[in-house]
Amino acid sequence: MQLMIRRVTTELVQDLTRKLSFQSALTGDWWDSAVSPIRKGNCGSAGCVVAWGSGTRSVASVVLIANGICFAVMTVIFAALWISC
């Protein structure tokens, strides 16, 4: 029982680390939309943004979109496995 709890805890920590590293990578690439010229890592009081397609989005928005896409993919996989059983 204790080994199982330790394994689950380790998996949760690894998952959290992956999520944090994704957000950290985005955060390192952001800039302040009110400051010109653009200099990455320069984020002040205005909205901090990252490049997204042909425009810009906030870091939180990009992370939420990525989480939504992952959730949709996991739902499709789960439904396919559920139906096949």
PDB file of N, CA and C in Angstrom:
ATOM      1  N   MET A   1       0.831  -1.196   0.000  1.00  0.00           N
ATOM      2  CA  MET A   1       0.000   0.000   0.000  1.00  0.00           C
ATOM      3  C   MET A   1       0.872   1.255   0.000  1.00  0.00           C
ATOM      4  N   GLN A   2       1.898   1.249   0.844  1.00  0.00           N
ATOM      5  CA  GLN A   2       2.776   2.408   0.935  1.00  0.00           C
ATOM      6  C   GLN A   2       3.540   2.617  -0.379  1.00  0.00           C
ATOM      7  N   LEU A   3       3.947   1.524  -1.023  1.00  0.00           N
ATOM      8  CA  LEU A   3       4.646   1.614  -2.298  1.00  0.00           C
ATOM      9  C   LEU A   3       3.738   2.217  -3.364  1.00  0.00           C
ATOM     10  N   MET A   4       2.449   1.839  -3.365  1.00  0.00           N
ATOM     11  CA  MET A   4       1.507   2.367  -4.327  1.00  0.00           C
ATOM     12  C   MET A   4       1.305   3.870  -4.115  1.00  0.00           C
ATOM     13  N   ILE A   5       1.202   4.301  -2.879  1.00  0.00           N
ATOM     14  CA  ILE A   5       1.036   5.727  -2.571  1.00  0.00           C
ATOM     15  C   ILE A   5       2.270   6.501  -3.020  1.00  0.00           C
ATOM     16  N   ARG A   6       3.441   5.939  -2.787  1.00  0.00           N
ATOM     17  CA  ARG A   6       4.675   6.599  -3.194  1.00  0.00           C
ATOM     18  C   ARG A   6       4.741   6.733  -4.717  1.00  0.00           C
ATOM     19  N   ARG A   7       4.321   5.670  -5.433  1.00  0.00           N
ATOM     20  CA  ARG A   7       4.346   5.703  -6.894  1.00  0.00           C
ATOM     21  C   ARG A   7       3.381   6.756  -7.431  1.00  0.00           C
ATOM     22  N   VAL A   8       2.177   6.812  -6.884  1.00  0.00           N
ATOM     23  CA  VAL A   8       1.185   7.797  -7.321  1.00  0.00           C
ATOM     24  C   VAL A   8       1.682   9.205  -7.025  1.00  0.00           C
ATOM     25  N   THR A   9       2.271   9.425  -5.860  1.00  0.00           N
ATOM     26  CA  THR A   9       2.810  10.732  -5.508  1.00  0.00           C
ATOM     27  C   THR A   9       3.916  11.141  -6.471  1.00  0.00           C
ATOM     28  N   THR A  10       4.791  10.208  -6.805  1.00  0.00           N
ATOM     29  CA  THR A  10       5.871  10.493  -7.748  1.00  0.00           C
ATOM     30  C   THR A  10       5.319  10.858  -9.112  1.00  0.00           C
ATOM     31  N   GLU A  11       4.291  10.149  -9.580  1.00  0.00           N
ATOM     32  CA  GLU A  11       3.686  10.460 -10.868  1.00  0.00           C
ATOM     33  C   GLU A  11       3.037  11.836 -10.862  1.00  0.00           C
ATOM     34  N   LEU A  12       2.381  12.207  -9.765  1.00  0.00           N
ATOM     35  CA  LEU A  12       1.761  13.525  -9.672  1.00  0.00           C
ATOM     36  C   LEU A  12       2.809  14.632  -9.693  1.00  0.00           C
ATOM     37  N   VAL A  13       3.909  14.429  -9.011  1.00  0.00           N
ATOM     38  CA  VAL A  13       4.985  15.424  -8.990  1.00  0.00           C
ATOM     39  C   VAL A  13       5.595  15.574 -10.381  1.00  0.00           C
ATOM     40  N   GLN A  14       5.801  14.460 -11.078  1.00  0.00           N
ATOM     41  CA  GLN A  14       6.358  14.528 -12.429  1.00  0.00           C
ATOM     42  C   GLN A  14       5.397  15.247 -13.369  1.00  0.00           C
ATOM     43  N   ASP A  15       4.096  14.989 -13.243  1.00  0.00           N
ATOM     44  CA  ASP A  15       3.105  15.653 -14.083  1.00  0.00           C
ATOM     45  C   ASP A  15       3.093  17.157 -13.807  1.00  0.00           C
ATOM     46  N   LEU A  16       3.145  17.535 -12.552  1.00  0.00           N
ATOM     47  CA  LEU A  16       3.166  18.946 -12.183  1.00  0.00           C
ATOM     48  C   LEU A  16       4.421  19.621 -12.714  1.00  0.00           C
ATOM     49  N   THR A  17       5.546  18.934 -12.659  1.00  0.00           N
ATOM     50  CA  THR A  17       6.799  19.492 -13.167  1.00  0.00           C
ATOM     51  C   THR A  17       6.721  19.735 -14.662  1.00  0.00           C
ATOM     52  N   ARG A  18       6.125  18.801 -15.405  1.00  0.00           N
ATOM     53  CA  ARG A  18       5.972  18.995 -16.849  1.00  0.00           C
ATOM     54  C   ARG A  18       5.090  20.205 -17.144  1.00  0.00           C
ATOM     55  N   LYS A  19       4.008  20.354 -16.411  1.00  0.00           N
ATOM     56  CA  LYS A  19       3.110  21.486 -16.639  1.00  0.00           C
ATOM     57  C   LYS A  19       3.807  22.796 -16.306  1.00  0.00           C
ATOM     58  N   LEU A  20       4.531  22.823 -15.207  1.00  0.00           N
ATOM     59  CA  LEU A  20       5.219  24.033 -14.812  1.00  0.00           C
ATOM     60  C   LEU A  20       6.328  24.387 -15.790  1.00  0.00           C
ATOM     61  N   SER A  21       7.010  23.391 -16.345  1.00  0.00           N
ATOM     62  CA  SER A  21       8.080  23.691 -17.284  1.00  0.00           C
ATOM     63  C   SER A  21       7.501  24.263 -18.583  1.00  0.00           C
ATOM     64  N   PHE A  22       6.316  23.817 -19.008  1.00  0.00           N
ATOM     65  CA  PHE A  22       5.655  24.374 -20.189  1.00  0.00           C
ATOM     66  C   PHE A  22       5.314  25.839 -19.962  1.00  0.00           C
ATOM     67  N   GLN A  23       4.717  26.130 -18.812  1.00  0.00           N
ATOM     68  CA  GLN A  23       4.360  27.508 -18.505  1.00  0.00           C
ATOM     69  C   GLN A  23       5.612  28.352 -18.307  1.00  0.00           C
ATOM     70  N   SER A  24       6.641  27.770 -17.721  1.00  0.00           N
ATOM     71  CA  SER A  24       7.893  28.493 -17.524  1.00  0.00           C
ATOM     72  C   SER A  24       8.531  28.851 -18.860  1.00  0.00           C
ATOM     73  N   ALA A  25       8.482  27.930 -19.824  1.00  0.00           N
ATOM     74  CA  ALA A  25       9.035  28.215 -21.154  1.00  0.00           C
ATOM     75  C   ALA A  25       8.283  29.367 -21.813  1.00  0.00           C
ATOM     76  N   LEU A  26       6.967  29.384 -21.672  1.00  0.00           N
ATOM     77  CA  LEU A  26       6.187  30.487 -22.228  1.00  0.00           C
ATOM     78  C   LEU A  26       6.497  31.796 -21.515  1.00  0.00           C
ATOM     79  N   THR A  27       6.630  31.731 -20.204  1.00  0.00           N
ATOM     80  CA  THR A  27       6.895  32.929 -19.415  1.00  0.00           C
ATOM     81  C   THR A  27       8.238  33.536 -19.790  1.00  0.00           C
ATOM     82  N   GLY A  28       9.227  32.698 -20.087  1.00  0.00           N
ATOM     83  CA  GLY A  28      10.527  33.210 -20.476  1.00  0.00           C
ATOM     84  C   GLY A  28      10.515  33.893 -21.829  1.00  0.00           C
ATOM     85  N   ASP A  29       9.471  33.687 -22.619  1.00  0.00           N
ATOM     86  CA  ASP A  29       9.384  34.236 -23.966  1.00  0.00           C
ATOM     87  C   ASP A  29       8.415  35.418 -24.056  1.00  0.00           C
ATOM     88  N   TRP A  30       7.865  35.866 -22.957  1.00  0.00           N
ATOM     89  CA  TRP A  30       6.863  36.925 -23.011  1.00  0.00           C
ATOM     90  C   TRP A  30       7.508  38.302 -23.071  1.00  0.00           C
ATOM     91  N   TRP A  31       6.697  39.297 -23.416  1.00  0.00           N
ATOM     92  CA  TRP A  31       7.140  40.676 -23.407  1.00  0.00           C
ATOM     93  C   TRP A  31       5.956  41.563 -23.076  1.00  0.00           C
ATOM     94  N   ASP A  32       6.280  42.802 -22.740  1.00  0.00           N
ATOM     95  CA  ASP A  32       5.258  43.789 -22.395  1.00  0.00           C
ATOM     96  C   ASP A  32       4.732  44.402 -23.678  1.00  0.00           C
ATOM     97  N   SER A  33       3.429  44.306 -23.913  1.00  0.00           N
ATOM     98  CA  SER A  33       2.840  44.811 -25.155  1.00  0.00           C
ATOM     99  C   SER A  33       2.854  46.336 -25.233  1.00  0.00           C
ATOM    100  N   ALA A  34       3.054  47.027 -24.115  1.00  0.00           N
ATOM    101  CA  ALA A  34       3.045  48.485 -24.108  1.00  0.00           C
ATOM    102  C   ALA A  34       4.424  49.080 -24.355  1.00  0.00           C
ATOM    103  N   VAL A  35       5.472  48.266 -24.307  1.00  0.00           N
ATOM    104  CA  VAL A  35       6.839  48.762 -24.462  1.00  0.00           C
ATOM    105  C   VAL A  35       7.323  48.465 -25.869  1.00  0.00           C
ATOM    106  N   SER A  36       7.886  49.486 -26.521  1.00  0.00           N
ATOM    107  CA  SER A  36       8.434  49.310 -27.861  1.00  0.00           C
ATOM    108  C   SER A  36       9.880  49.779 -27.838  1.00  0.00           C
ATOM    109  N   PRO A  37      10.810  49.112 -28.446  1.00  0.00           N
ATOM    110  CA  PRO A  37      10.721  47.897 -29.242  1.00  0.00           C
ATOM    111  C   PRO A  37      10.548  46.666 -28.359  1.00  0.00           C
ATOM    112  N   ILE A  38      10.102  45.596 -28.991  1.00  0.00           N
ATOM    113  CA  ILE A  38       9.868  44.344 -28.273  1.00  0.00           C
ATOM    114  C   ILE A  38      11.195  43.779 -27.792  1.00  0.00           C
ATOM    115  N   ARG A  39      11.238  43.446 -26.511  1.00  0.00           N
ATOM    116  CA  ARG A  39      12.402  42.786 -25.938  1.00  0.00           C
ATOM    117  C   ARG A  39      11.889  41.662 -25.046  1.00  0.00           C
ATOM    118  N   LYS A  40      12.170  40.420 -25.436  1.00  0.00           N
ATOM    119  CA  LYS A  40      11.642  39.272 -24.701  1.00  0.00           C
ATOM    120  C   LYS A  40      12.158  39.268 -23.268  1.00  0.00           C
ATOM    121  N   GLY A  41      11.275  38.882 -22.348  1.00  0.00           N
ATOM    122  CA  GLY A  41      11.605  38.867 -20.933  1.00  0.00           C
ATOM    123  C   GLY A  41      11.329  40.198 -20.259  1.00  0.00           C
ATOM    124  N   ASN A  42      10.944  41.221 -21.038  1.00  0.00           N
ATOM    125  CA  ASN A  42      10.665  42.544 -20.510  1.00  0.00           C
ATOM    126  C   ASN A  42       9.173  42.668 -20.261  1.00  0.00           C
ATOM    127  N   CYS A  43       8.762  42.389 -19.050  1.00  0.00           N
ATOM    128  CA  CYS A  43       7.339  42.445 -18.744  1.00  0.00           C
ATOM    129  C   CYS A  43       7.100  43.392 -17.581  1.00  0.00           C
ATOM    130  N   GLY A  44       6.325  44.428 -17.824  1.00  0.00           N
ATOM    131  CA  GLY A  44       6.036  45.421 -16.801  1.00  0.00           C
ATOM    132  C   GLY A  44       4.617  45.308 -16.296  1.00  0.00           C
ATOM    133  N   SER A  45       3.977  46.453 -16.130  1.00  0.00           N
ATOM    134  CA  SER A  45       2.632  46.479 -15.551  1.00  0.00           C
ATOM    135  C   SER A  45       1.539  46.213 -16.574  1.00  0.00           C
ATOM    136  N   ALA A  46       1.826  46.402 -17.845  1.00  0.00           N
ATOM    137  CA  ALA A  46       0.807  46.143 -18.877  1.00  0.00           C
ATOM    138  C   ALA A  46       0.679  44.640 -19.110  1.00  0.00           C
ATOM    139  N   GLY A  47      -0.195  44.261 -20.002  1.00  0.00           N
ATOM    140  CA  GLY A  47      -0.415  42.844 -20.272  1.00  0.00           C
ATOM    141  C   GLY A  47       0.801  42.187 -20.900  1.00  0.00           C
ATOM    142  N   CYS A  48       1.304  41.136 -20.283  1.00  0.00           N
ATOM    143  CA  CYS A  48       2.440  40.394 -20.816  1.00  0.00           C
ATOM    144  C   CYS A  48       1.912  39.373 -21.814  1.00  0.00           C
ATOM    145  N   VAL A  49       2.521  39.351 -23.012  1.00  0.00           N
ATOM    146  CA  VAL A  49       1.998  38.535 -24.097  1.00  0.00           C
ATOM    147  C   VAL A  49       3.095  37.677 -24.718  1.00  0.00           C
ATOM    148  N   VAL A  50       2.685  36.649 -25.456  1.00  0.00           N
ATOM    149  CA  VAL A  50       3.576  35.828 -26.273  1.00  0.00           C
ATOM    150  C   VAL A  50       2.998  35.789 -27.683  1.00  0.00           C
ATOM    151  N   ALA A  51       3.859  35.487 -28.641  1.00  0.00           N
ATOM    152  CA  ALA A  51       3.397  35.389 -30.031  1.00  0.00           C
ATOM    153  C   ALA A  51       2.479  34.187 -30.169  1.00  0.00           C
ATOM    154  N   TRP A  52       1.373  34.388 -30.890  1.00  0.00           N
ATOM    155  CA  TRP A  52       0.400  33.310 -31.093  1.00  0.00           C
ATOM    156  C   TRP A  52      -0.188  33.468 -32.485  1.00  0.00           C
ATOM    157  N   GLY A  53       0.191  32.611 -33.403  1.00  0.00           N
ATOM    158  CA  GLY A  53      -0.276  32.743 -34.781  1.00  0.00           C
ATOM    159  C   GLY A  53       0.218  34.046 -35.379  1.00  0.00           C
ATOM    160  N   SER A  54      -0.701  34.858 -35.870  1.00  0.00           N
ATOM    161  CA  SER A  54      -0.313  36.146 -36.448  1.00  0.00           C
ATOM    162  C   SER A  54      -0.470  37.280 -35.449  1.00  0.00           C
ATOM    163  N   GLY A  55      -0.867  36.962 -34.212  1.00  0.00           N
ATOM    164  CA  GLY A  55      -1.070  37.997 -33.200  1.00  0.00           C
ATOM    165  C   GLY A  55      -0.366  37.654 -31.903  1.00  0.00           C
ATOM    166  N   THR A  56      -0.935  38.096 -30.807  1.00  0.00           N
ATOM    167  CA  THR A  56      -0.381  37.823 -29.487  1.00  0.00           C
ATOM    168  C   THR A  56      -1.490  37.379 -28.540  1.00  0.00           C
ATOM    169  N   ARG A  57      -1.103  36.636 -27.510  1.00  0.00           N
ATOM    170  CA  ARG A  57      -2.014  36.209 -26.438  1.00  0.00           C
ATOM    171  C   ARG A  57      -1.266  36.227 -25.126  1.00  0.00           C
ATOM    172  N   SER A  58      -2.015  36.296 -24.023  1.00  0.00           N
ATOM    173  CA  SER A  58      -1.381  36.239 -22.715  1.00  0.00           C
ATOM    174  C   SER A  58      -0.915  34.812 -22.438  1.00  0.00           C
ATOM    175  N   VAL A  59       0.070  34.684 -21.551  1.00  0.00           N
ATOM    176  CA  VAL A  59       0.609  33.365 -21.203  1.00  0.00           C
ATOM    177  C   VAL A  59      -0.492  32.483 -20.622  1.00  0.00           C
ATOM    178  N   ALA A  60      -1.315  33.033 -19.736  1.00  0.00           N
ATOM    179  CA  ALA A  60      -2.390  32.261 -19.119  1.00  0.00           C
ATOM    180  C   ALA A  60      -3.360  31.742 -20.173  1.00  0.00           C
ATOM    181  N   SER A  61      -3.649  32.552 -21.176  1.00  0.00           N
ATOM    182  CA  SER A  61      -4.555  32.137 -22.242  1.00  0.00           C
ATOM    183  C   SER A  61      -3.980  30.971 -23.037  1.00  0.00           C
ATOM    184  N   VAL A  62      -2.703  31.029 -23.364  1.00  0.00           N
ATOM    185  CA  VAL A  62      -2.062  29.952 -24.126  1.00  0.00           C
ATOM    186  C   VAL A  62      -2.051  28.659 -23.309  1.00  0.00           C
ATOM    187  N   VAL A  63      -1.764  28.760 -22.019  1.00  0.00           N
ATOM    188  CA  VAL A  63      -1.758  27.570 -21.160  1.00  0.00           C
ATOM    189  C   VAL A  63      -3.162  26.978 -21.063  1.00  0.00           C
ATOM    190  N   LEU A  64      -4.193  27.809 -20.948  1.00  0.00           N
ATOM    191  CA  LEU A  64      -5.570  27.312 -20.889  1.00  0.00           C
ATOM    192  C   LEU A  64      -5.982  26.635 -22.195  1.00  0.00           C
ATOM    193  N   ILE A  65      -5.585  27.194 -23.317  1.00  0.00           N
ATOM    194  CA  ILE A  65      -5.893  26.576 -24.613  1.00  0.00           C
ATOM    195  C   ILE A  65      -5.220  25.213 -24.717  1.00  0.00           C
ATOM    196  N   ALA A  66      -3.942  25.143 -24.332  1.00  0.00           N
ATOM    197  CA  ALA A  66      -3.213  23.870 -24.380  1.00  0.00           C
ATOM    198  C   ALA A  66      -3.856  22.831 -23.465  1.00  0.00           C
ATOM    199  N   ASN A  67      -4.268  23.245 -22.266  1.00  0.00           N
ATOM    200  CA  ASN A  67      -4.937  22.318 -21.351  1.00  0.00           C
ATOM    201  C   ASN A  67      -6.266  21.842 -21.919  1.00  0.00           C
ATOM    202  N   GLY A  68      -7.006  22.735 -22.566  1.00  0.00           N
ATOM    203  CA  GLY A  68      -8.278  22.349 -23.178  1.00  0.00           C
ATOM    204  C   GLY A  68      -8.090  21.343 -24.300  1.00  0.00           C
ATOM    205  N   ILE A  69      -7.065  21.551 -25.131  1.00  0.00           N
ATOM    206  CA  ILE A  69      -6.787  20.606 -26.214  1.00  0.00           C
ATOM    207  C   ILE A  69      -6.399  19.246 -25.644  1.00  0.00           C
ATOM    208  N   CYS A  70      -5.544  19.251 -24.623  1.00  0.00           N
ATOM    209  CA  CYS A  70      -5.147  17.981 -23.982  1.00  0.00           C
ATOM    210  C   CYS A  70      -6.350  17.263 -23.389  1.00  0.00           C
ATOM    211  N   PHE A  71      -7.248  18.015 -22.739  1.00  0.00           N
ATOM    212  CA  PHE A  71      -8.442  17.414 -22.149  1.00  0.00           C
ATOM    213  C   PHE A  71      -9.324  16.798 -23.228  1.00  0.00           C
ATOM    214  N   ALA A  72      -9.479  17.489 -24.352  1.00  0.00           N
ATOM    215  CA  ALA A  72     -10.303  16.968 -25.447  1.00  0.00           C
ATOM    216  C   ALA A  72      -9.710  15.673 -26.003  1.00  0.00           C
ATOM    217  N   VAL A  73      -8.395  15.643 -26.185  1.00  0.00           N
ATOM    218  CA  VAL A  73      -7.736  14.432 -26.689  1.00  0.00           C
ATOM    219  C   VAL A  73      -7.897  13.278 -25.703  1.00  0.00           C
ATOM    220  N   MET A  74      -7.701  13.553 -24.407  1.00  0.00           N
ATOM    221  CA  MET A  74      -7.859  12.499 -23.398  1.00  0.00           C
ATOM    222  C   MET A  74      -9.293  11.987 -23.361  1.00  0.00           C
ATOM    223  N   THR A  75     -10.277  12.866 -23.552  1.00  0.00           N
ATOM    224  CA  THR A  75     -11.677  12.461 -23.564  1.00  0.00           C
ATOM    225  C   THR A  75     -11.966  11.525 -24.738  1.00  0.00           C
ATOM    226  N   VAL A  76     -11.424  11.856 -25.896  1.00  0.00           N
ATOM    227  CA  VAL A  76     -11.616  11.006 -27.076  1.00  0.00           C
ATOM    228  C   VAL A  76     -10.981   9.630 -26.850  1.00  0.00           C
ATOM    229  N   ILE A  77      -9.782   9.613 -26.305  1.00  0.00           N
ATOM    230  CA  ILE A  77      -9.104   8.335 -26.031  1.00  0.00           C
ATOM    231  C   ILE A  77      -9.897   7.520 -25.022  1.00  0.00           C
ATOM    232  N   PHE A  78     -10.347   8.156 -23.941  1.00  0.00           N
ATOM    233  CA  PHE A  78     -11.119   7.461 -22.914  1.00  0.00           C
ATOM    234  C   PHE A  78     -12.423   6.906 -23.495  1.00  0.00           C
ATOM    235  N   ALA A  79     -13.109   7.706 -24.300  1.00  0.00           N
ATOM    236  CA  ALA A  79     -14.372   7.255 -24.901  1.00  0.00           C
ATOM    237  C   ALA A  79     -14.122   6.089 -25.840  1.00  0.00           C
ATOM    238  N   ALA A  80     -13.043   6.141 -26.610  1.00  0.00           N
ATOM    239  CA  ALA A  80     -12.731   5.045 -27.527  1.00  0.00           C
ATOM    240  C   ALA A  80     -12.420   3.769 -26.758  1.00  0.00           C
ATOM    241  N   LEU A  81     -11.701   3.898 -25.666  1.00  0.00           N
ATOM    242  CA  LEU A  81     -11.403   2.715 -24.847  1.00  0.00           C
ATOM    243  C   LEU A  81     -12.659   2.179 -24.164  1.00  0.00           C
ATOM    244  N   TRP A  82     -13.515   3.082 -23.722  1.00  0.00           N
ATOM    245  CA  TRP A  82     -14.752   2.684 -23.039  1.00  0.00           C
ATOM    246  C   TRP A  82     -15.682   1.940 -24.000  1.00  0.00           C
ATOM    247  N   ILE A  83     -15.804   2.448 -25.222  1.00  0.00           N
ATOM    248  CA  ILE A  83     -16.674   1.833 -26.211  1.00  0.00           C
ATOM    249  C   ILE A  83     -16.144   0.476 -26.652  1.00  0.00           C
ATOM    250  N   SER A  84     -14.815   0.359 -26.762  1.00  0.00           N
ATOM    251  CA  SER A  84     -14.223  -0.887 -27.247  1.00  0.00           C
ATOM    252  C   SER A  84     -14.287  -2.022 -26.220  1.00  0.00           C
ATOM    253  N   CYS A  85     -14.542  -1.720 -24.978  1.00  0.00           N
ATOM    254  CA  CYS A  85     -14.571  -2.774 -23.948  1.00  0.00           C
ATOM    255  C   CYS A  85     -15.880  -3.464 -23.864  1.00  0.00           C
TER     256      CYS A  85
END
